[in-house]
Amino acid sequence: MSKIKHPSGPSPLQLDLANRLIQKITTGELPAGTHLTEESLASQFDVSRTPVKAALRLVAQQELLDYHVNSGYFVSANTSPQPVPSIFVAGISGDALYQQMIDDRKHRLLADTMTETDFLEQYPVSRSLLRGTLVRMAADGLIEKRRGQGWNFPPIVSAPELITESYQFRIAVECAGLLENSFKADAGQLSNSRLAHEKLLQQAEAEYSAAAFFTLNAAFHEMLARFSNNRFVLQAVQQQNQFARLDEHLALYHAPRQIDSCREHLQIIEALEHGNKEWASALMKHHLTVARDTK
């Protein structure tokens, strides 16, 4: 992994934002040609525009972004499908802290409610890196900001019977959603999702990012639910994604299931590209059943 030098020394938050953008680009979540604005990214990451501006410069130095005068930054058309090294700062990286906090929460080493001071006593990181990681976890539904001070973790769902019931419910809802009369797939979104999955599969297994795959996985299932044009199907899938996020994140960091899941997603996409909803529904049932039994 490479270390980028910056005249004034990039902050941990700037480096973490840059790593997250690199991840989105190399997994295909941000396809070539995508226009990235400081304002939209600052809103997405819940930070000011200053660290976003620095992060964009760092990613451009990796030749993943092109800068156009008077227009701003665009994802490079020459982006390689090969994984690009993360930018590292001395000490723990944002990804490492994110993963460690998931592991610790799963093993009940973190309380249901914690303050930033509590976290800093447990993790030797800068406050800016901690805040950036907490914001990222909040965006993934793994923690929520309290109205006052502190953060709340959602309940831990680890009972085998609850996990089984969750998958059974998903099988019923997601397979039915694909068969809705109102179901209408968007060809452009299907194509972008297919390219993102193919790009991930082209990477060496050791280079896979579990966090990137989880984002891609959740987006895939919600995309198909949205195609159903049934708001209750979409709400159910979003709820189940929220319900299982902590368990899924931990499983994806420690299980080799990513490759098979990617291939199964591609089979479903192919069926929908050929207009075969019935086959896509059957493939979805197999996909979720295998995931349930693997869990």
Protein backbone atom coordinates (compact mmCIF):
# COMPACT_ATOMS: atom_id res chain seq x y z
CA MET A 1 0.00 0.00 0.00
CA SER A 2 1.30 3.43 -0.91
CA LYS A 3 1.68 6.52 1.16
CA ILE A 4 0.97 9.83 -0.55
CA LYS A 5 2.94 12.83 0.56
CA HIS A 6 1.24 16.17 0.93
CA PRO A 7 2.96 19.53 1.46
CA SER A 8 1.21 20.17 4.79
CA GLY A 9 0.54 16.54 5.60
CA PRO A 10 -2.98 15.23 4.91
CA SER A 11 -5.11 14.67 7.97
CA PRO A 12 -6.48 11.24 8.95
CA LEU A 13 -9.96 12.41 7.90
CA GLN A 14 -8.73 13.51 4.47
CA LEU A 15 -6.96 10.18 3.98
CA ASP A 16 -10.02 8.24 5.11
CA LEU A 17 -12.27 10.13 2.68
CA ALA A 18 -9.75 9.52 -0.11
CA ASN A 19 -9.68 5.79 0.66
CA ARG A 20 -13.47 5.64 0.59
CA LEU A 21 -13.58 7.37 -2.79
CA ILE A 22 -10.92 5.01 -4.13
CA GLN A 23 -13.00 2.08 -2.94
CA LYS A 24 -16.15 3.39 -4.64
CA ILE A 25 -14.26 3.98 -7.90
CA THR A 26 -12.37 0.68 -8.06
CA THR A 27 -15.50 -1.37 -7.28
CA GLY A 28 -17.47 0.40 -9.99
CA GLU A 29 -19.89 2.09 -7.60
CA LEU A 30 -18.70 5.35 -9.17
CA PRO A 31 -18.38 4.50 -12.91
CA ALA A 32 -16.15 6.29 -15.39
CA GLY A 33 -17.36 9.76 -16.23
CA THR A 34 -19.13 10.38 -12.93
CA HIS A 35 -18.93 14.03 -11.92
CA LEU A 36 -17.86 14.46 -8.29
CA THR A 37 -18.65 17.76 -6.60
CA GLU A 38 -17.35 18.95 -3.25
CA GLU A 39 -20.85 19.91 -2.18
CA SER A 40 -22.46 16.54 -2.90
CA LEU A 41 -19.60 14.57 -1.32
CA ALA A 42 -19.55 16.79 1.76
CA SER A 43 -23.27 16.13 2.17
CA GLN A 44 -22.85 12.38 1.57
CA PHE A 45 -20.01 12.00 4.08
CA ASP A 46 -21.44 14.61 6.49
CA VAL A 47 -18.24 16.65 6.61
CA SER A 48 -17.21 20.14 5.48
CA ARG A 49 -16.01 20.83 1.95
CA THR A 50 -12.41 21.43 3.06
CA PRO A 51 -11.42 17.78 3.75
CA VAL A 52 -13.39 16.72 0.65
CA LYS A 53 -11.36 19.08 -1.51
CA ALA A 54 -8.12 17.63 -0.14
CA ALA A 55 -9.39 14.06 -0.61
CA LEU A 56 -10.26 14.74 -4.25
CA ARG A 57 -6.71 15.99 -4.87
CA LEU A 58 -5.26 12.86 -3.27
CA VAL A 59 -7.43 10.55 -5.39
CA ALA A 60 -6.51 12.53 -8.51
CA GLN A 61 -2.85 11.87 -7.71
CA GLN A 62 -3.69 8.15 -7.99
CA GLU A 63 -4.88 8.91 -11.56
CA LEU A 64 -8.42 7.83 -10.76
CA LEU A 65 -9.88 11.29 -11.28
CA ASP A 66 -9.54 13.82 -14.11
CA TYR A 67 -9.77 17.53 -13.34
CA HIS A 68 -11.52 19.78 -15.85
CA VAL A 69 -11.11 23.53 -15.46
CA ASN A 70 -14.43 25.21 -14.57
CA SER A 71 -16.09 21.79 -14.24
CA GLY A 72 -14.29 19.97 -11.47
CA TYR A 73 -13.43 16.30 -10.98
CA PHE A 74 -14.66 13.33 -13.04
CA VAL A 75 -13.95 9.62 -12.59
CA SER A 76 -11.25 8.76 -15.10
CA ALA A 77 -12.24 6.78 -18.19
CA ASN A 78 -8.90 4.96 -17.93
CA THR A 79 -9.55 3.54 -14.48
CA SER A 80 -8.04 0.07 -14.24
CA PRO A 81 -10.15 -2.77 -12.85
CA GLN A 82 -7.15 -3.79 -10.79
CA PRO A 83 -7.28 -2.73 -7.14
CA VAL A 84 -5.55 0.53 -6.35
CA PRO A 85 -3.55 0.64 -3.10
CA SER A 86 -5.17 2.47 -0.23
CA ILE A 87 -3.54 5.65 1.01
CA PHE A 88 -2.16 5.04 4.46
CA VAL A 89 -1.44 7.35 7.35
CA ALA A 90 0.78 6.36 10.24
CA GLY A 91 -1.21 4.30 12.72
CA ILE A 92 -4.60 2.73 12.16
CA SER A 93 -6.48 3.43 8.92
CA GLY A 94 -10.16 4.32 8.67
CA ASP A 95 -10.98 0.90 7.21
CA ALA A 96 -9.09 -0.88 9.99
CA LEU A 97 -10.85 1.14 12.69
CA TYR A 98 -14.22 0.51 11.03
CA GLN A 99 -13.61 -3.25 10.95
CA GLN A 100 -12.25 -3.34 14.52
CA MET A 101 -15.29 -1.52 15.87
CA ILE A 102 -17.62 -3.97 14.09
CA ASP A 103 -15.72 -6.91 15.57
CA ASP A 104 -15.70 -5.40 19.04
CA ARG A 105 -19.41 -4.61 18.94
CA LYS A 106 -20.22 -8.10 17.70
CA HIS A 107 -18.30 -9.57 20.64
CA ARG A 108 -20.02 -7.14 23.03
CA LEU A 109 -16.85 -5.22 23.85
CA LEU A 110 -18.63 -1.94 23.13
CA ALA A 111 -21.61 -0.77 25.16
CA ASP A 112 -25.02 0.03 23.64
CA THR A 113 -24.38 3.75 24.20
CA MET A 114 -20.98 5.42 24.04
CA THR A 115 -19.52 8.92 23.84
CA GLU A 116 -16.57 10.01 21.69
CA THR A 117 -14.50 10.06 24.88
CA ASP A 118 -15.43 6.43 25.54
CA PHE A 119 -14.30 5.46 22.04
CA LEU A 120 -11.04 7.41 22.31
CA GLU A 121 -10.21 5.65 25.57
CA GLN A 122 -10.51 2.34 23.74
CA TYR A 123 -8.95 3.23 20.37
CA PRO A 124 -5.68 5.22 20.05
CA VAL A 125 -6.79 7.33 17.08
CA SER A 126 -7.30 10.99 16.36
CA ARG A 127 -10.70 12.53 17.10
CA SER A 128 -11.13 13.46 13.43
CA LEU A 129 -10.54 9.87 12.29
CA LEU A 130 -12.93 8.57 14.95
CA ARG A 131 -15.63 11.04 13.92
CA GLY A 132 -15.20 10.17 10.25
CA THR A 133 -15.52 6.45 11.07
CA LEU A 134 -18.61 7.02 13.24
CA VAL A 135 -20.24 9.01 10.45
CA ARG A 136 -19.43 6.22 8.01
CA MET A 137 -20.90 3.61 10.36
CA ALA A 138 -24.01 5.76 10.80
CA ALA A 139 -24.42 5.95 7.02
CA ASP A 140 -24.25 2.13 6.94
CA GLY A 141 -26.88 1.85 9.67
CA LEU A 142 -24.45 0.39 12.22
CA ILE A 143 -24.78 3.20 14.77
CA GLU A 144 -26.88 6.32 15.26
CA LYS A 145 -26.17 9.74 16.74
CA ARG A 146 -28.09 10.58 19.87
CA ARG A 147 -29.86 13.93 20.15
CA GLY A 148 -27.59 14.86 23.00
CA GLN A 149 -24.06 13.57 23.31
CA GLY A 150 -23.03 10.08 22.36
CA TRP A 151 -23.89 7.33 19.94
CA ASN A 152 -26.29 4.37 20.10
CA PHE A 153 -25.64 0.93 18.62
CA PRO A 154 -28.64 -1.05 17.34
CA PRO A 155 -29.44 -4.38 19.06
CA ILE A 156 -27.12 -7.27 18.21
CA VAL A 157 -28.90 -9.93 16.21
CA SER A 158 -26.97 -13.14 16.70
CA ALA A 159 -29.55 -15.75 17.68
CA PRO A 160 -29.55 -18.45 14.96
CA GLU A 161 -33.35 -18.67 14.93
CA LEU A 162 -33.67 -14.91 14.30
CA ILE A 163 -31.16 -15.03 11.45
CA THR A 164 -33.03 -17.97 9.89
CA GLU A 165 -36.37 -16.18 10.22
CA SER A 166 -34.89 -13.08 8.62
CA TYR A 167 -33.67 -15.02 5.59
CA GLN A 168 -36.99 -16.86 5.30
CA PHE A 169 -38.78 -13.53 5.23
CA ARG A 170 -36.35 -12.17 2.63
CA ILE A 171 -36.87 -15.23 0.43
CA ALA A 172 -40.62 -14.66 0.51
CA VAL A 173 -40.48 -10.90 -0.11
CA GLU A 174 -37.60 -10.55 -2.57
CA CYS A 175 -38.62 -13.46 -4.77
CA ALA A 176 -42.21 -12.18 -4.89
CA GLY A 177 -40.98 -8.67 -5.67
CA LEU A 178 -39.28 -9.92 -8.82
CA LEU A 179 -42.61 -11.38 -9.98
CA GLU A 180 -44.72 -8.26 -9.35
CA ASN A 181 -46.76 -7.13 -12.37
CA SER A 182 -45.40 -3.65 -11.71
CA PHE A 183 -41.77 -4.87 -11.81
CA LYS A 184 -39.73 -2.90 -14.35
CA ALA A 185 -35.96 -3.20 -14.52
CA ASP A 186 -33.88 -0.19 -15.49
CA ALA A 187 -31.39 -1.35 -18.14
CA GLY A 188 -28.82 1.33 -17.24
CA GLN A 189 -28.83 0.48 -13.55
CA LEU A 190 -28.59 -3.25 -14.31
CA SER A 191 -25.62 -2.61 -16.59
CA ASN A 192 -23.82 -0.48 -13.99
CA SER A 193 -24.41 -3.12 -11.33
CA ARG A 194 -23.15 -5.88 -13.63
CA LEU A 195 -19.98 -3.92 -14.43
CA ALA A 196 -19.36 -3.27 -10.73
CA HIS A 197 -19.68 -6.99 -9.93
CA GLU A 198 -17.46 -7.99 -12.84
CA LYS A 199 -14.81 -5.49 -11.78
CA LEU A 200 -14.77 -6.92 -8.28
CA LEU A 201 -14.42 -10.47 -9.59
CA GLN A 202 -11.44 -9.43 -11.72
CA GLN A 203 -9.51 -8.58 -8.57
CA ALA A 204 -7.30 -11.11 -6.87
CA GLU A 205 -9.12 -12.76 -3.97
CA ALA A 206 -6.60 -11.41 -1.47
CA GLU A 207 -7.33 -7.87 -2.67
CA TYR A 208 -11.09 -7.99 -2.08
CA SER A 209 -12.58 -5.33 0.15
CA ALA A 210 -15.31 -6.80 2.33
CA ALA A 211 -16.66 -3.32 3.06
CA ALA A 212 -16.90 -2.57 -0.67
CA PHE A 213 -18.69 -5.83 -1.33
CA PHE A 214 -21.18 -5.22 1.46
CA THR A 215 -22.08 -1.85 -0.06
CA LEU A 216 -22.44 -3.45 -3.48
CA ASN A 217 -24.48 -6.34 -2.05
CA ALA A 218 -26.93 -4.10 -0.18
CA ALA A 219 -27.31 -1.81 -3.20
CA PHE A 220 -28.02 -4.82 -5.45
CA HIS A 221 -30.87 -6.14 -3.33
CA GLU A 222 -32.39 -2.69 -2.81
CA MET A 223 -32.12 -1.96 -6.55
CA LEU A 224 -34.19 -5.06 -7.40
CA ALA A 225 -36.71 -4.19 -4.68
CA ARG A 226 -37.02 -0.70 -6.15
CA PHE A 227 -37.67 -2.20 -9.59
CA SER A 228 -40.76 -3.90 -8.14
CA ASN A 229 -42.39 -0.45 -7.87
CA ASN A 230 -43.96 -1.70 -4.65
CA ARG A 231 -43.00 0.57 -1.78
CA PHE A 232 -43.71 -2.12 0.80
CA VAL A 233 -41.31 -4.55 -0.88
CA LEU A 234 -38.63 -1.85 -0.89
CA GLN A 235 -39.28 -0.94 2.75
CA ALA A 236 -39.09 -4.60 3.77
CA VAL A 237 -35.75 -5.13 2.02
CA GLN A 238 -34.33 -1.93 3.49
CA GLN A 239 -35.53 -2.99 6.93
CA GLN A 240 -33.94 -6.42 6.60
CA ASN A 241 -30.67 -4.89 5.40
CA GLN A 242 -30.75 -2.66 8.47
CA PHE A 243 -31.66 -5.59 10.71
CA ALA A 244 -28.70 -7.71 9.60
CA ARG A 245 -26.02 -5.11 8.93
CA LEU A 246 -23.78 -5.89 11.90
CA ASP A 247 -23.90 -9.66 11.33
CA GLU A 248 -23.41 -9.28 7.58
CA HIS A 249 -20.46 -6.91 7.96
CA LEU A 250 -18.71 -9.32 10.33
CA ALA A 251 -19.47 -12.31 8.12
CA LEU A 252 -18.17 -10.56 5.03
CA TYR A 253 -14.92 -9.67 6.75
CA HIS A 254 -14.30 -13.28 7.74
CA ALA A 255 -15.97 -15.49 5.11
CA PRO A 256 -14.97 -16.30 1.50
CA ARG A 257 -18.63 -16.11 0.40
CA GLN A 258 -18.12 -12.86 -1.52
CA ILE A 259 -17.02 -14.55 -4.75
CA ASP A 260 -19.98 -16.92 -4.94
CA SER A 261 -22.41 -14.14 -4.04
CA CYS A 262 -21.03 -11.96 -6.83
CA ARG A 263 -21.48 -14.74 -9.35
CA GLU A 264 -25.02 -15.43 -8.15
CA HIS A 265 -25.87 -11.74 -8.45
CA LEU A 266 -24.55 -11.75 -12.02
CA GLN A 267 -26.78 -14.71 -12.89
CA ILE A 268 -29.81 -12.82 -11.59
CA ILE A 269 -28.81 -9.72 -13.54
CA GLU A 270 -28.38 -11.78 -16.71
CA ALA A 271 -31.85 -13.31 -16.28
CA LEU A 272 -33.39 -9.85 -15.92
CA GLU A 273 -31.46 -8.48 -18.89
CA HIS A 274 -33.14 -11.23 -20.91
CA GLY A 275 -36.53 -10.36 -19.44
CA ASN A 276 -36.89 -13.65 -17.56
CA LYS A 277 -38.35 -12.62 -14.19
CA GLU A 278 -39.36 -16.19 -13.28
CA TRP A 279 -35.81 -17.48 -13.64
CA ALA A 280 -34.46 -14.44 -11.78
CA SER A 281 -36.86 -15.19 -8.91
CA ALA A 282 -35.75 -18.84 -8.80
CA LEU A 283 -32.10 -17.76 -8.77
CA MET A 284 -32.82 -15.29 -5.97
CA LYS A 285 -34.40 -18.04 -3.89
CA HIS A 286 -31.31 -20.21 -4.37
CA HIS A 287 -29.02 -17.27 -3.57
CA LEU A 288 -30.75 -16.39 -0.29
CA THR A 289 -31.15 -20.03 0.71
CA VAL A 290 -27.41 -20.66 0.33
CA ALA A 291 -26.68 -17.46 2.28
CA ARG A 292 -29.04 -18.59 5.04
CA ASP A 293 -27.51 -22.07 5.27
CA THR A 294 -23.98 -20.62 5.20
CA LYS A 295 -24.83 -18.32 8.10
